[in-house]
Amino acid sequence: MRYKVKLTYPTIVVIEQKEYLLFPGHEVELPDSAEVVKTYEGLGYLEPLPDKQKTKKEVNDGSS
């Protein structure tokens, strides 16, 4: 899942032996099942972003 980092300082988080760099204001893909991600989200350090692949924008071609 994609998150926007709301931290005020760069941080490194290790999840399942993989390092993730969290920079303030940047977007990052994180496994949402990890306990540290749930904790950071609950503390307001991570903001979930809507899934861009699931949203569709309808285009009106003017033929109606």
Protein backbone atom coordinates (compact mmCIF):
# COMPACT_ATOMS: atom_id res chain seq x y z
CA MET A 1 0.00 0.00 0.00
CA ARG A 2 1.20 3.55 -0.70
CA TYR A 3 1.65 6.03 2.12
CA LYS A 4 2.66 9.67 2.39
CA VAL A 5 5.34 10.16 5.02
CA LYS A 6 4.32 12.75 7.65
CA LEU A 7 7.51 12.54 9.72
CA THR A 8 9.63 15.65 10.33
CA TYR A 9 12.94 13.78 9.88
CA PRO A 10 14.26 10.97 7.62
CA THR A 11 13.87 7.50 9.10
CA ILE A 12 14.88 3.96 8.14
CA VAL A 13 12.42 1.16 8.92
CA VAL A 14 13.30 -2.53 8.56
CA ILE A 15 10.38 -4.79 7.63
CA GLU A 16 10.97 -8.48 6.90
CA GLN A 17 14.74 -7.92 6.45
CA LYS A 18 14.17 -5.11 3.90
CA GLU A 19 15.04 -1.47 4.59
CA TYR A 20 12.60 1.31 3.73
CA LEU A 21 13.74 4.94 3.70
CA LEU A 22 11.05 7.32 4.92
CA PHE A 23 11.63 10.93 3.89
CA PRO A 24 9.28 13.73 5.02
CA GLY A 25 6.63 14.52 2.40
CA HIS A 26 7.54 11.62 0.11
CA GLU A 27 5.37 8.69 -0.95
CA VAL A 28 6.48 5.14 -0.20
CA GLU A 29 5.15 1.63 -0.84
CA LEU A 30 5.01 -0.38 2.39
CA PRO A 31 3.52 -3.76 3.35
CA ASP A 32 0.38 -2.76 5.27
CA SER A 33 0.37 -6.02 7.23
CA ALA A 34 3.54 -5.06 9.15
CA GLU A 35 2.99 -4.05 12.77
CA VAL A 36 5.35 -1.07 12.53
CA VAL A 37 3.36 0.32 9.59
CA LYS A 38 0.11 0.04 11.56
CA THR A 39 1.79 1.76 14.52
CA TYR A 40 3.22 4.60 12.41
CA GLU A 41 -0.17 5.05 10.73
CA GLY A 42 -1.91 5.18 14.12
CA LEU A 43 0.56 7.79 15.37
CA GLY A 44 -0.05 9.92 12.27
CA TYR A 45 3.44 9.40 10.80
CA LEU A 46 2.03 7.72 7.67
CA GLU A 47 -1.04 8.75 5.67
CA PRO A 48 -2.62 6.07 3.44
CA LEU A 49 -3.03 7.17 -0.17
CA PRO A 50 -5.89 6.06 -2.41
CA ASP A 51 -5.05 3.27 -4.84
CA LYS A 52 -4.59 4.96 -8.23
CA GLN A 53 -5.22 1.72 -10.13
CA LYS A 54 -8.73 1.26 -8.72
CA THR A 55 -10.00 4.76 -9.54
CA LYS A 56 -11.29 5.61 -12.99
CA LYS A 57 -12.07 9.02 -14.36
CA GLU A 58 -15.00 9.21 -16.71
CA VAL A 59 -14.54 11.31 -19.81
CA ASN A 60 -17.52 13.02 -21.41
CA ASP A 61 -17.09 13.02 -25.18
CA GLY A 62 -19.98 15.46 -25.68
CA SER A 63 -22.21 13.01 -27.56
CA SER A 64 -25.01 12.95 -24.95
